[in-house]
C-alpha atoms as a PDB file:
ATOM      1  CA  MET A   1      17.144  -8.128  18.552  1.00  0.00           C
ATOM      2  CA  LYS A   2      18.612 -10.518  15.993  1.00  0.00           C
ATOM      3  CA  ARG A   3      17.073 -12.275  13.019  1.00  0.00           C
ATOM      4  CA  GLN A   4      17.436 -15.609  14.808  1.00  0.00           C
ATOM      5  CA  ASP A   5      15.153 -14.385  17.616  1.00  0.00           C
ATOM      6  CA  PHE A   6      12.268 -14.828  15.182  1.00  0.00           C
ATOM      7  CA  ALA A   7      13.002 -18.415  14.188  1.00  0.00           C
ATOM      8  CA  TYR A   8      10.571 -21.240  14.801  1.00  0.00           C
ATOM      9  CA  THR A   9      10.154 -24.742  13.403  1.00  0.00           C
ATOM     10  CA  LEU A  10       6.995 -25.372  11.414  1.00  0.00           C
ATOM     11  CA  PRO A  11       5.932 -28.861  10.314  1.00  0.00           C
ATOM     12  CA  VAL A  12       5.637 -28.728   6.530  1.00  0.00           C
ATOM     13  CA  GLU A  13       2.142 -30.216   6.606  1.00  0.00           C
ATOM     14  CA  LEU A  14       0.870 -27.057   8.354  1.00  0.00           C
ATOM     15  CA  ILE A  15       1.678 -24.897   5.314  1.00  0.00           C
ATOM     16  CA  ALA A  16      -1.655 -24.294   3.577  1.00  0.00           C
ATOM     17  CA  SER A  17      -1.225 -24.844  -0.150  1.00  0.00           C
ATOM     18  CA  GLU A  18      -4.927 -24.602  -1.019  1.00  0.00           C
ATOM     19  CA  PRO A  19      -7.706 -22.300   0.199  1.00  0.00           C
ATOM     20  CA  LEU A  20     -10.586 -23.752   2.164  1.00  0.00           C
ATOM     21  CA  LYS A  21     -13.977 -24.115   0.485  1.00  0.00           C
ATOM     22  CA  SER A  22     -15.359 -20.967   2.091  1.00  0.00           C
ATOM     23  CA  ARG A  23     -13.367 -17.835   2.926  1.00  0.00           C
ATOM     24  CA  THR A  24     -14.723 -17.699   6.478  1.00  0.00           C
ATOM     25  CA  ASP A  25     -14.085 -21.388   7.245  1.00  0.00           C
ATOM     26  CA  SER A  26     -10.591 -20.641   8.587  1.00  0.00           C
ATOM     27  CA  ARG A  27      -9.837 -20.716  12.276  1.00  0.00           C
ATOM     28  CA  LEU A  28      -9.194 -17.523  14.224  1.00  0.00           C
ATOM     29  CA  MET A  29      -6.826 -17.262  17.177  1.00  0.00           C
ATOM     30  CA  ILE A  30      -7.647 -14.374  19.532  1.00  0.00           C
ATOM     31  CA  ILE A  31      -4.502 -13.010  21.222  1.00  0.00           C
ATOM     32  CA  THR A  32      -5.029 -10.567  24.083  1.00  0.00           C
ATOM     33  CA  PRO A  33      -2.577  -8.510  26.178  1.00  0.00           C
ATOM     34  CA  ASP A  34      -3.064 -10.717  29.251  1.00  0.00           C
ATOM     35  CA  ARG A  35      -1.515 -13.559  27.176  1.00  0.00           C
ATOM     36  CA  SER A  36      -4.755 -15.537  27.136  1.00  0.00           C
ATOM     37  CA  ILE A  37      -5.538 -17.280  23.849  1.00  0.00           C
ATOM     38  CA  GLN A  38      -9.014 -17.998  22.555  1.00  0.00           C
ATOM     39  CA  HIS A  39      -9.780 -20.285  19.636  1.00  0.00           C
ATOM     40  CA  ALA A  40     -12.592 -19.193  17.328  1.00  0.00           C
ATOM     41  CA  GLN A  41     -13.536 -19.140  13.625  1.00  0.00           C
ATOM     42  CA  VAL A  42     -13.117 -16.309  11.142  1.00  0.00           C
ATOM     43  CA  SER A  43     -16.901 -16.337  10.856  1.00  0.00           C
ATOM     44  CA  ASP A  44     -16.909 -15.126  14.501  1.00  0.00           C
ATOM     45  CA  PHE A  45     -14.774 -12.069  13.726  1.00  0.00           C
ATOM     46  CA  ALA A  46     -17.691  -9.598  13.742  1.00  0.00           C
ATOM     47  CA  GLU A  47     -18.418 -10.505  17.385  1.00  0.00           C
ATOM     48  CA  PHE A  48     -15.092  -8.923  18.379  1.00  0.00           C
ATOM     49  CA  VAL A  49     -15.912  -5.645  16.626  1.00  0.00           C
ATOM     50  CA  GLN A  50     -17.421  -2.837  18.722  1.00  0.00           C
ATOM     51  CA  PRO A  51     -19.713   0.063  17.787  1.00  0.00           C
ATOM     52  CA  GLY A  52     -17.597   3.022  16.707  1.00  0.00           C
ATOM     53  CA  ASP A  53     -14.653   0.913  15.501  1.00  0.00           C
ATOM     54  CA  VAL A  54     -13.077   1.888  12.181  1.00  0.00           C
ATOM     55  CA  VAL A  55     -12.123  -1.222  10.216  1.00  0.00           C
ATOM     56  CA  VAL A  56      -9.584  -0.534   7.470  1.00  0.00           C
ATOM     57  CA  ALA A  57      -8.732  -2.928   4.620  1.00  0.00           C
ATOM     58  CA  ASN A  58      -6.386  -2.878   1.637  1.00  0.00           C
ATOM     59  CA  ASN A  59      -8.279  -2.939  -1.676  1.00  0.00           C
ATOM     60  CA  THR A  60      -5.281  -3.537  -3.924  1.00  0.00           C
ATOM     61  CA  ARG A  61      -5.852  -6.077  -6.691  1.00  0.00           C
ATOM     62  CA  VAL A  62      -3.364  -8.815  -7.532  1.00  0.00           C
ATOM     63  CA  PHE A  63      -2.638  -9.129 -11.227  1.00  0.00           C
ATOM     64  CA  PRO A  64      -1.030 -12.108 -13.032  1.00  0.00           C
ATOM     65  CA  ALA A  65       2.494 -10.767 -12.639  1.00  0.00           C
ATOM     66  CA  ARG A  66       4.450 -13.921 -13.555  1.00  0.00           C
ATOM     67  CA  LEU A  67       5.222 -14.129 -17.282  1.00  0.00           C
ATOM     68  CA  PHE A  68       7.109 -16.747 -19.259  1.00  0.00           C
ATOM     69  CA  GLY A  69       8.996 -16.579 -22.522  1.00  0.00           C
ATOM     70  CA  GLN A  70      12.435 -16.866 -24.054  1.00  0.00           C
ATOM     71  CA  LYS A  71      15.357 -14.760 -25.142  1.00  0.00           C
ATOM     72  CA  VAL A  72      16.073 -14.229 -28.813  1.00  0.00           C
ATOM     73  CA  SER A  73      18.855 -16.781 -28.386  1.00  0.00           C
ATOM     74  CA  GLY A  74      16.262 -19.341 -27.308  1.00  0.00           C
ATOM     75  CA  GLY A  75      17.014 -19.470 -23.582  1.00  0.00           C
ATOM     76  CA  TYR A  76      14.105 -19.789 -21.126  1.00  0.00           C
ATOM     77  CA  VAL A  77      13.003 -16.624 -19.328  1.00  0.00           C
ATOM     78  CA  GLU A  78      10.697 -16.024 -16.358  1.00  0.00           C
ATOM     79  CA  VAL A  79       9.646 -12.467 -15.533  1.00  0.00           C
ATOM     80  CA  LEU A  80       8.087 -11.527 -12.195  1.00  0.00           C
ATOM     81  CA  ILE A  81       6.851  -7.957 -12.333  1.00  0.00           C
ATOM     82  CA  GLU A  82       7.653  -6.120  -9.110  1.00  0.00           C
ATOM     83  CA  ARG A  83       5.962  -2.850 -10.021  1.00  0.00           C
ATOM     84  CA  LEU A  84       4.020  -1.324 -12.889  1.00  0.00           C
ATOM     85  CA  LEU A  85       5.784   1.956 -13.685  1.00  0.00           C
ATOM     86  CA  THR A  86       3.722   3.119 -16.667  1.00  0.00           C
ATOM     87  CA  ASP A  87       1.362   1.401 -19.097  1.00  0.00           C
ATOM     88  CA  GLU A  88       4.390   0.325 -21.131  1.00  0.00           C
ATOM     89  CA  SER A  89       7.162  -0.112 -18.552  1.00  0.00           C
ATOM     90  CA  VAL A  90       7.761  -2.220 -15.447  1.00  0.00           C
ATOM     91  CA  ARG A  91      10.394  -3.080 -12.895  1.00  0.00           C
ATOM     92  CA  ALA A  92      10.826  -6.837 -12.610  1.00  0.00           C
ATOM     93  CA  PHE A  93      12.831  -9.810 -11.493  1.00  0.00           C
ATOM     94  CA  VAL A  94      14.125 -11.800 -14.460  1.00  0.00           C
ATOM     95  CA  ARG A  95      15.168 -15.427 -14.140  1.00  0.00           C
ATOM     96  CA  ALA A  96      17.247 -16.813 -17.002  1.00  0.00           C
ATOM     97  CA  SER A  97      20.292 -19.004 -17.538  1.00  0.00           C
ATOM     98  CA  LYS A  98      22.237 -15.812 -18.215  1.00  0.00           C
ATOM     99  CA  SER A  99      21.136 -12.330 -17.181  1.00  0.00           C
ATOM    100  CA  PRO A 100      19.841 -10.278 -20.104  1.00  0.00           C
ATOM    101  CA  VAL A 101      21.733  -7.121 -21.008  1.00  0.00           C
ATOM    102  CA  PRO A 102      20.364  -3.643 -21.785  1.00  0.00           C
ATOM    103  CA  GLY A 103      18.828  -3.708 -25.231  1.00  0.00           C
ATOM    104  CA  GLY A 104      18.067  -7.404 -24.954  1.00  0.00           C
ATOM    105  CA  ILE A 105      14.711  -8.612 -26.273  1.00  0.00           C
ATOM    106  CA  LEU A 106      12.501 -11.039 -24.327  1.00  0.00           C
ATOM    107  CA  LEU A 107       9.947 -12.891 -26.458  1.00  0.00           C
ATOM    108  CA  MET A 108       7.014 -13.481 -24.134  1.00  0.00           C
ATOM    109  CA  ASP A 109       4.265 -16.079 -24.325  1.00  0.00           C
ATOM    110  CA  GLY A 110       1.330 -14.513 -26.124  1.00  0.00           C
ATOM    111  CA  GLY A 111       3.450 -13.003 -28.885  1.00  0.00           C
ATOM    112  CA  PHE A 112       4.488  -9.675 -27.370  1.00  0.00           C
ATOM    113  CA  HIS A 113       8.030  -8.736 -26.451  1.00  0.00           C
ATOM    114  CA  LEU A 114       9.767  -6.790 -23.700  1.00  0.00           C
ATOM    115  CA  THR A 115      12.995  -4.836 -24.075  1.00  0.00           C
ATOM    116  CA  VAL A 116      15.529  -4.543 -21.274  1.00  0.00           C
ATOM    117  CA  THR A 117      16.149  -0.837 -20.786  1.00  0.00           C
ATOM    118  CA  GLY A 118      18.296  -0.892 -17.639  1.00  0.00           C
ATOM    119  CA  ARG A 119      18.809  -2.172 -14.117  1.00  0.00           C
ATOM    120  CA  ASP A 120      17.638  -1.082 -10.673  1.00  0.00           C
ATOM    121  CA  GLY A 121      19.751  -3.084  -8.258  1.00  0.00           C
ATOM    122  CA  ASP A 122      18.673  -6.727  -8.555  1.00  0.00           C
ATOM    123  CA  LEU A 123      15.707  -5.716 -10.706  1.00  0.00           C
ATOM    124  CA  PHE A 124      15.429  -5.109 -14.438  1.00  0.00           C
ATOM    125  CA  LEU A 125      13.641  -2.246 -16.178  1.00  0.00           C
ATOM    126  CA  LEU A 126      11.545  -3.559 -19.059  1.00  0.00           C
ATOM    127  CA  SER A 127       9.469  -1.824 -21.721  1.00  0.00           C
ATOM    128  CA  SER A 128       6.923  -3.076 -24.233  1.00  0.00           C
ATOM    129  CA  GLU A 129       6.348  -1.950 -27.802  1.00  0.00           C
ATOM    130  CA  PRO A 130       4.532   1.415 -28.124  1.00  0.00           C
ATOM    131  CA  GLY A 131       0.818   0.979 -27.548  1.00  0.00           C
ATOM    132  CA  VAL A 132       1.145  -2.423 -25.872  1.00  0.00           C
ATOM    133  CA  ARG A 133      -0.113  -2.177 -22.297  1.00  0.00           C
ATOM    134  CA  ILE A 134       1.825  -4.607 -20.134  1.00  0.00           C
ATOM    135  CA  LEU A 135      -1.001  -5.002 -17.612  1.00  0.00           C
ATOM    136  CA  GLU A 136      -3.346  -6.087 -20.390  1.00  0.00           C
ATOM    137  CA  MET A 137      -0.789  -8.631 -21.628  1.00  0.00           C
ATOM    138  CA  ALA A 138      -0.333  -9.915 -18.088  1.00  0.00           C
ATOM    139  CA  GLU A 139      -4.096 -10.330 -17.631  1.00  0.00           C
ATOM    140  CA  LEU A 140      -4.235 -12.354 -20.854  1.00  0.00           C
ATOM    141  CA  TYR A 141      -1.073 -14.439 -20.640  1.00  0.00           C
ATOM    142  CA  GLY A 142       0.338 -14.115 -17.136  1.00  0.00           C
ATOM    143  CA  HIS A 143       0.136 -16.344 -14.092  1.00  0.00           C
ATOM    144  CA  ILE A 144      -0.844 -15.554 -10.516  1.00  0.00           C
ATOM    145  CA  PRO A 145       2.455 -15.248  -8.585  1.00  0.00           C
ATOM    146  CA  LEU A 146       1.754 -17.667  -5.756  1.00  0.00           C
ATOM    147  CA  PRO A 147       4.195 -17.418  -2.837  1.00  0.00           C
ATOM    148  CA  PRO A 148       7.309 -19.598  -3.110  1.00  0.00           C
ATOM    149  CA  TYR A 149       6.225 -21.854  -0.233  1.00  0.00           C
ATOM    150  CA  ILE A 150       3.178 -23.012  -2.224  1.00  0.00           C
ATOM    151  CA  LYS A 151       4.738 -25.831  -4.208  1.00  0.00           C
ATOM    152  CA  ARG A 152       2.319 -26.068  -7.123  1.00  0.00           C
ATOM    153  CA  ASP A 153       1.402 -24.256 -10.294  1.00  0.00           C
ATOM    154  CA  ASP A 154      -1.289 -21.620 -10.154  1.00  0.00           C
ATOM    155  CA  THR A 155      -4.792 -22.528 -11.335  1.00  0.00           C
ATOM    156  CA  ASP A 156      -7.822 -20.611 -12.591  1.00  0.00           C
ATOM    157  CA  ASP A 157      -9.254 -20.893  -9.073  1.00  0.00           C
ATOM    158  CA  ASP A 158      -6.303 -18.891  -7.713  1.00  0.00           C
ATOM    159  CA  ARG A 159      -7.369 -15.904  -9.833  1.00  0.00           C
ATOM    160  CA  THR A 160     -10.429 -15.696  -7.600  1.00  0.00           C
ATOM    161  CA  ARG A 161      -9.229 -17.030  -4.263  1.00  0.00           C
ATOM    162  CA  TYR A 162      -5.828 -15.289  -4.180  1.00  0.00           C
ATOM    163  CA  GLN A 163      -7.824 -12.064  -4.363  1.00  0.00           C
ATOM    164  CA  THR A 164      -9.990 -10.245  -1.838  1.00  0.00           C
ATOM    165  CA  VAL A 165     -13.693  -9.774  -2.586  1.00  0.00           C
ATOM    166  CA  PHE A 166     -13.182  -5.994  -2.298  1.00  0.00           C
ATOM    167  CA  ALA A 167     -10.140  -5.773  -4.601  1.00  0.00           C
ATOM    168  CA  LYS A 168     -10.293  -2.749  -6.917  1.00  0.00           C
ATOM    169  CA  ASP A 169      -7.013  -1.242  -8.110  1.00  0.00           C
ATOM    170  CA  ALA A 170      -4.567  -3.526  -9.952  1.00  0.00           C
ATOM    171  CA  GLY A 171      -0.945  -3.252  -8.913  1.00  0.00           C
ATOM    172  CA  ALA A 172      -0.143  -5.919  -6.306  1.00  0.00           C
ATOM    173  CA  VAL A 173       2.015  -8.938  -7.055  1.00  0.00           C
ATOM    174  CA  ALA A 174       1.142 -10.569  -3.741  1.00  0.00           C
ATOM    175  CA  ALA A 175      -2.214 -10.635  -1.998  1.00  0.00           C
ATOM    176  CA  PRO A 176      -2.996  -8.757   1.214  1.00  0.00           C
ATOM    177  CA  THR A 177      -3.735 -12.200   2.601  1.00  0.00           C
ATOM    178  CA  ALA A 178      -5.645 -11.306   5.764  1.00  0.00           C
ATOM    179  CA  GLY A 179      -8.363  -9.899   3.532  1.00  0.00           C
ATOM    180  CA  LEU A 180      -8.750 -13.255   1.768  1.00  0.00           C
ATOM    181  CA  HIS A 181     -10.727 -14.457   4.808  1.00  0.00           C
ATOM    182  CA  LEU A 182     -13.527 -11.932   4.449  1.00  0.00           C
ATOM    183  CA  ASP A 183     -16.629 -12.238   2.299  1.00  0.00           C
ATOM    184  CA  HIS A 184     -19.390  -9.720   1.683  1.00  0.00           C
ATOM    185  CA  ALA A 185     -21.675 -11.259   4.313  1.00  0.00           C
ATOM    186  CA  LEU A 186     -19.004 -10.914   7.008  1.00  0.00           C
ATOM    187  CA  ILE A 187     -18.301  -7.308   6.011  1.00  0.00           C
ATOM    188  CA  ASP A 188     -22.040  -6.600   6.261  1.00  0.00           C
ATOM    189  CA  ARG A 189     -22.061  -8.095   9.770  1.00  0.00           C
ATOM    190  CA  ILE A 190     -19.087  -5.935  10.773  1.00  0.00           C
ATOM    191  CA  GLN A 191     -20.967  -2.832   9.669  1.00  0.00           C
ATOM    192  CA  ALA A 192     -24.148  -4.033  11.373  1.00  0.00           C
ATOM    193  CA  ARG A 193     -22.200  -4.011  14.638  1.00  0.00           C
ATOM    194  CA  GLY A 194     -21.915  -0.231  14.293  1.00  0.00           C
ATOM    195  CA  ALA A 195     -18.398  -0.187  12.858  1.00  0.00           C
ATOM    196  CA  THR A 196     -17.244   1.866   9.879  1.00  0.00           C
ATOM    197  CA  TRP A 197     -15.680  -0.043   6.984  1.00  0.00           C
ATOM    198  CA  CYS A 198     -13.152   1.851   4.856  1.00  0.00           C
ATOM    199  CA  GLU A 199     -10.354   1.043   2.429  1.00  0.00           C
ATOM    200  CA  ILE A 200      -6.866   2.178   1.530  1.00  0.00           C
ATOM    201  CA  THR A 201      -4.671   0.966  -1.323  1.00  0.00           C
ATOM    202  CA  LEU A 202      -1.162  -0.394  -0.876  1.00  0.00           C
ATOM    203  CA  HIS A 203       0.274  -2.320  -3.814  1.00  0.00           C
ATOM    204  CA  VAL A 204       2.064  -5.267  -2.258  1.00  0.00           C
ATOM    205  CA  GLY A 205       5.417  -5.858  -3.947  1.00  0.00           C
ATOM    206  CA  ALA A 206       7.421  -9.028  -4.463  1.00  0.00           C
ATOM    207  CA  GLY A 207       9.806  -7.680  -1.831  1.00  0.00           C
ATOM    208  CA  THR A 208       7.352  -8.873   0.804  1.00  0.00           C
ATOM    209  CA  PHE A 209       8.871 -12.343   0.279  1.00  0.00           C
ATOM    210  CA  ASN A 210      12.477 -11.148   0.540  1.00  0.00           C
ATOM    211  CA  PRO A 211      14.171 -12.952   3.435  1.00  0.00           C
ATOM    212  CA  VAL A 212      16.085 -11.046   6.094  1.00  0.00           C
ATOM    213  CA  ARG A 213      19.672 -12.041   5.347  1.00  0.00           C
ATOM    214  CA  VAL A 214      21.459  -9.991   8.012  1.00  0.00           C
ATOM    215  CA  ASP A 215      21.699 -10.932  11.679  1.00  0.00           C
ATOM    216  CA  ASP A 216      21.440  -7.352  12.956  1.00  0.00           C
ATOM    217  CA  LEU A 217      17.968  -6.032  12.066  1.00  0.00           C
ATOM    218  CA  SER A 218      19.260  -2.470  11.846  1.00  0.00           C
ATOM    219  CA  ASP A 219      21.238  -3.557   8.744  1.00  0.00           C
ATOM    220  CA  HIS A 220      18.162  -4.778   6.836  1.00  0.00           C
ATOM    221  CA  ALA A 221      17.069  -2.668   3.849  1.00  0.00           C
ATOM    222  CA  MET A 222      13.271  -2.725   3.690  1.00  0.00           C
ATOM    223  CA  HIS A 223      11.519  -2.668   0.309  1.00  0.00           C
ATOM    224  CA  ALA A 224       9.274   0.289  -0.538  1.00  0.00           C
ATOM    225  CA  GLU A 225       5.609  -0.033  -1.467  1.00  0.00           C
ATOM    226  CA  TRP A 226       3.256   2.563  -2.961  1.00  0.00           C
ATOM    227  CA  TYR A 227       0.081   3.468  -1.115  1.00  0.00           C
ATOM    228  CA  GLN A 228      -2.841   5.856  -1.389  1.00  0.00           C
ATOM    229  CA  ILE A 229      -5.149   7.181   1.328  1.00  0.00           C
ATOM    230  CA  SER A 230      -8.200   9.291   0.516  1.00  0.00           C
ATOM    231  CA  ASP A 231      -9.176  12.410   2.430  1.00  0.00           C
ATOM    232  CA  GLU A 232     -12.364  10.702   3.626  1.00  0.00           C
ATOM    233  CA  VAL A 233     -10.504   7.711   5.066  1.00  0.00           C
ATOM    234  CA  ALA A 234      -7.820   9.864   6.697  1.00  0.00           C
ATOM    235  CA  SER A 235     -10.540  11.987   8.323  1.00  0.00           C
ATOM    236  CA  LEU A 236     -12.447   8.919   9.580  1.00  0.00           C
ATOM    237  CA  ILE A 237      -9.315   7.483  11.175  1.00  0.00           C
ATOM    238  CA  ASN A 238      -8.053  10.723  12.702  1.00  0.00           C
ATOM    239  CA  THR A 239     -11.488  11.491  14.149  1.00  0.00           C
ATOM    240  CA  ALA A 240     -11.743   8.006  15.638  1.00  0.00           C
ATOM    241  CA  LYS A 241      -8.325   8.350  17.277  1.00  0.00           C
ATOM    242  CA  ALA A 242      -9.210  11.790  18.672  1.00  0.00           C
ATOM    243  CA  GLU A 243     -12.414  10.366  20.155  1.00  0.00           C
ATOM    244  CA  GLY A 244     -10.730   7.321  21.667  1.00  0.00           C
ATOM    245  CA  ARG A 245     -12.336   4.832  19.277  1.00  0.00           C
ATOM    246  CA  ARG A 246     -10.487   1.818  17.952  1.00  0.00           C
ATOM    247  CA  VAL A 247      -8.889   1.321  14.544  1.00  0.00           C
ATOM    248  CA  ILE A 248      -8.741  -2.274  13.321  1.00  0.00           C
ATOM    249  CA  ALA A 249      -6.340  -3.054  10.481  1.00  0.00           C
ATOM    250  CA  ILE A 250      -7.147  -5.942   8.156  1.00  0.00           C
ATOM    251  CA  GLY A 251      -3.642  -7.182   7.470  1.00  0.00           C
ATOM    252  CA  THR A 252      -0.058  -6.072   7.884  1.00  0.00           C
ATOM    253  CA  THR A 253      -0.137  -4.154   4.589  1.00  0.00           C
ATOM    254  CA  THR A 254      -2.941  -1.952   5.914  1.00  0.00           C
ATOM    255  CA  LEU A 255      -1.040  -1.453   9.158  1.00  0.00           C
ATOM    256  CA  ARG A 256       2.171  -0.516   7.306  1.00  0.00           C
ATOM    257  CA  CYS A 257       0.233   1.994   5.213  1.00  0.00           C
ATOM    258  CA  LEU A 258      -1.408   3.687   8.214  1.00  0.00           C
ATOM    259  CA  GLU A 259       1.621   3.684  10.482  1.00  0.00           C
ATOM    260  CA  GLY A 260       3.883   4.757   7.612  1.00  0.00           C
ATOM    261  CA  SER A 261       1.618   7.716   6.910  1.00  0.00           C
ATOM    262  CA  ALA A 262       1.445   8.669  10.588  1.00  0.00           C
ATOM    263  CA  LEU A 263       5.213   8.392  10.951  1.00  0.00           C
ATOM    264  CA  ALA A 264       5.644  10.825   8.044  1.00  0.00           C
ATOM    265  CA  ASN A 265       2.926  13.235   9.229  1.00  0.00           C
ATOM    266  CA  ALA A 266       3.511  13.878  12.946  1.00  0.00           C
ATOM    267  CA  GLY A 267       1.285  11.043  14.137  1.00  0.00           C
ATOM    268  CA  ARG A 268      -1.718  11.740  11.908  1.00  0.00           C
ATOM    269  CA  VAL A 269      -2.884   9.789   8.885  1.00  0.00           C
ATOM    270  CA  ALA A 270      -2.783  12.046   5.824  1.00  0.00           C
ATOM    271  CA  GLU A 271      -4.564  12.161   2.491  1.00  0.00           C
ATOM    272  CA  GLU A 272      -1.708  11.213   0.185  1.00  0.00           C
ATOM    273  CA  SER A 273      -0.163   9.033  -2.479  1.00  0.00           C
ATOM    274  CA  ASN A 274       3.262   8.056  -1.243  1.00  0.00           C
ATOM    275  CA  GLU A 275       5.692   5.224  -0.645  1.00  0.00           C
ATOM    276  CA  THR A 276       6.547   3.581   2.626  1.00  0.00           C
ATOM    277  CA  SER A 277       9.565   1.496   3.507  1.00  0.00           C
ATOM    278  CA  ILE A 278       8.742   1.408   7.202  1.00  0.00           C
ATOM    279  CA  PHE A 279      10.384  -1.516   9.005  1.00  0.00           C
ATOM    280  CA  ILE A 280       8.568  -2.211  12.261  1.00  0.00           C
ATOM    281  CA  THR A 281      10.392  -4.210  14.924  1.00  0.00           C
ATOM    282  CA  PRO A 282       9.794  -4.777  18.653  1.00  0.00           C
ATOM    283  CA  GLY A 283       9.991  -1.470  20.505  1.00  0.00           C
ATOM    284  CA  TYR A 284       8.063   0.513  17.871  1.00  0.00           C
ATOM    285  CA  SER A 285       5.374   2.802  19.322  1.00  0.00           C
ATOM    286  CA  PHE A 286       2.146   2.404  17.326  1.00  0.00           C
ATOM    287  CA  SER A 287       0.106   5.563  16.886  1.00  0.00           C
ATOM    288  CA  VAL A 288      -2.861   4.415  14.745  1.00  0.00           C
ATOM    289  CA  VAL A 289      -3.811   0.735  14.907  1.00  0.00           C
ATOM    290  CA  ASP A 290      -5.364  -0.859  17.996  1.00  0.00           C
ATOM    291  CA  LEU A 291      -6.239  -4.341  16.698  1.00  0.00           C
ATOM    292  CA  LEU A 292      -4.673  -6.330  13.892  1.00  0.00           C
ATOM    293  CA  PHE A 293      -6.404  -9.101  11.942  1.00  0.00           C
ATOM    294  CA  THR A 294      -3.668 -11.051  10.196  1.00  0.00           C
ATOM    295  CA  ASN A 295      -2.395 -14.432   9.013  1.00  0.00           C
ATOM    296  CA  PHE A 296       0.463 -16.456  10.499  1.00  0.00           C
ATOM    297  CA  HIS A 297       3.797 -15.392   9.035  1.00  0.00           C
ATOM    298  CA  LEU A 298       7.069 -17.019   8.011  1.00  0.00           C
ATOM    299  CA  PRO A 299       9.945 -17.557  10.446  1.00  0.00           C
ATOM    300  CA  GLU A 300      12.545 -14.751  10.489  1.00  0.00           C
ATOM    301  CA  SER A 301      10.351 -12.591   8.209  1.00  0.00           C
ATOM    302  CA  THR A 302       9.773  -8.851   8.454  1.00  0.00           C
ATOM    303  CA  LEU A 303       6.058  -9.558   8.922  1.00  0.00           C
ATOM    304  CA  LEU A 304       6.691 -11.780  11.947  1.00  0.00           C
ATOM    305  CA  MET A 305       8.848  -8.989  13.359  1.00  0.00           C
ATOM    306  CA  LEU A 306       5.988  -6.553  12.777  1.00  0.00           C
ATOM    307  CA  VAL A 307       3.356  -8.658  14.553  1.00  0.00           C
ATOM    308  CA  SER A 308       5.811  -9.315  17.389  1.00  0.00           C
ATOM    309  CA  ALA A 309       6.187  -5.559  17.796  1.00  0.00           C
ATOM    310  CA  PHE A 310       2.416  -5.154  17.790  1.00  0.00           C
ATOM    311  CA  GLY A 311       1.474  -7.950  20.158  1.00  0.00           C
ATOM    312  CA  GLY A 312       4.624  -8.154  22.259  1.00  0.00           C
ATOM    313  CA  TYR A 313       7.523 -10.423  21.335  1.00  0.00           C
ATOM    314  CA  ALA A 314       7.125 -13.075  24.048  1.00  0.00           C
ATOM    315  CA  ARG A 315       3.350 -13.190  23.683  1.00  0.00           C
ATOM    316  CA  LEU A 316       3.447 -13.581  19.890  1.00  0.00           C
ATOM    317  CA  MET A 317       6.183 -16.191  19.776  1.00  0.00           C
ATOM    318  CA  ALA A 318       4.353 -18.221  22.441  1.00  0.00           C
ATOM    319  CA  SER A 319       1.095 -17.933  20.475  1.00  0.00           C
ATOM    320  CA  TYR A 320       2.810 -19.336  17.369  1.00  0.00           C
ATOM    321  CA  GLN A 321       3.880 -22.389  19.351  1.00  0.00           C
ATOM    322  CA  ASP A 322       0.299 -22.748  20.549  1.00  0.00           C
ATOM    323  CA  ALA A 323      -0.891 -22.522  16.943  1.00  0.00           C
ATOM    324  CA  ILE A 324       1.503 -25.314  15.926  1.00  0.00           C
ATOM    325  CA  ILE A 325       0.345 -27.518  18.794  1.00  0.00           C
ATOM    326  CA  ASN A 326      -3.283 -26.891  17.821  1.00  0.00           C
ATOM    327  CA  ARG A 327      -2.572 -27.595  14.143  1.00  0.00           C
ATOM    328  CA  TYR A 328      -3.441 -24.200  12.722  1.00  0.00           C
ATOM    329  CA  ARG A 329      -2.830 -23.724   8.999  1.00  0.00           C
ATOM    330  CA  PHE A 330      -0.047 -21.245   8.193  1.00  0.00           C
ATOM    331  CA  PHE A 331       0.743 -18.537   5.636  1.00  0.00           C
ATOM    332  CA  SER A 332      -1.261 -17.080   2.726  1.00  0.00           C
ATOM    333  CA  TYR A 333      -4.053 -19.656   2.443  1.00  0.00           C
ATOM    334  CA  GLY A 334      -3.916 -20.482   6.143  1.00  0.00           C
ATOM    335  CA  ASP A 335      -5.734 -19.464   9.302  1.00  0.00           C
ATOM    336  CA  ALA A 336      -5.829 -16.051  10.955  1.00  0.00           C
ATOM    337  CA  CYS A 337      -5.356 -14.343  14.289  1.00  0.00           C
ATOM    338  CA  LEU A 338      -6.767 -11.200  15.877  1.00  0.00           C
ATOM    339  CA  ILE A 339      -4.147  -9.419  17.970  1.00  0.00           C
ATOM    340  CA  THR A 340      -4.817  -6.646  20.473  1.00  0.00           C
ATOM    341  CA  LEU A 341      -2.033  -4.072  20.693  1.00  0.00           C
ATOM    342  CA  ASP A 342       0.263  -4.662  23.649  1.00  0.00           C
ATOM    343  CA  ARG A 343       0.753  -1.081  24.773  1.00  0.00           C
ATOM    344  CA  GLY A 344       3.464  -2.103  27.174  1.00  0.00           C
ATOM    345  CA  ALA A 345       5.607  -3.671  24.438  1.00  0.00           C
ATOM    346  CA  GLY A 346       6.991  -0.410  23.119  1.00  0.00           C
ATOM    347  CA  SER A 347       9.944   2.884  20.164  1.00  0.00           C
ATOM    348  CA  HIS A 348      11.677   2.001  17.060  1.00  0.00           C
ATOM    349  CA  ALA A 349      10.980   1.972  13.352  1.00  0.00           C
ATOM    350  CA  SER A 350      13.194   2.436  10.303  1.00  0.00           C
END
């Protein structure tokens, strides 16, 4: 398949630039293998959960990864941290009138400075002064890195709403947005249905917004993201699969974590801290996830390719047109869909 196979035209007014008042107020499209579509609300999600299901969510925490400052020469600088490497070093995108050189000093808002120590492809390696923890500086002086299609500055409200209620471990520069729809009351209702709630951690990187620039998908270089799965969670999932019970992934980041682990461990989810650069396209054979709760994704994006692989290309692309006709809200602060795996759709991953 080609990149252009995943194109669609979205009216700009359907891009959600603000969250709704309540997390569960969003609409929920139910997409089933028989190509029927049901329109519900996120607040109804628990009704689609069955006793014995294992519901897995990503508990990564978004930190204020966008920093502003200037070079010693006075030129404006914007730093978007892609990954925290140590307490005092990061890998980041740097936007400036002229690219900084190794040894260059960036004077950041808040009075601390970062030193350019090298390059990693399009990214810069930056270090702070000894004893200055970059995460702490980001929490004090940084900005929430809203996606580029949200055409406004971040606000204090985004620090809460561009964050899941179960977020724990700081390290993500983009939210696992499916999880934004859930509140504690809905999670309690899911568990009351007899399902098991568990969490993994995958730190979502800025690469999630990287467009696919090649026509042939086999030429696309997928970004890597760090994840961690505990022994308890791996055991819960593997036992459920062995007993024929369903695994429901809250979001594409959770799915990538679980399928990436299974791909590296002969079909079983493992206790591990690792990286995954899995690129899932139509034809991939899923071995872990049975249902996917997710947002609506950008045209020609790797995430749209993933959900098309999961739900079946024709079925998913048709459902997106139905969502446009029915005026669903798209992307990070938008509405959601619950997709049942199309087992006839796939086996390819890279």
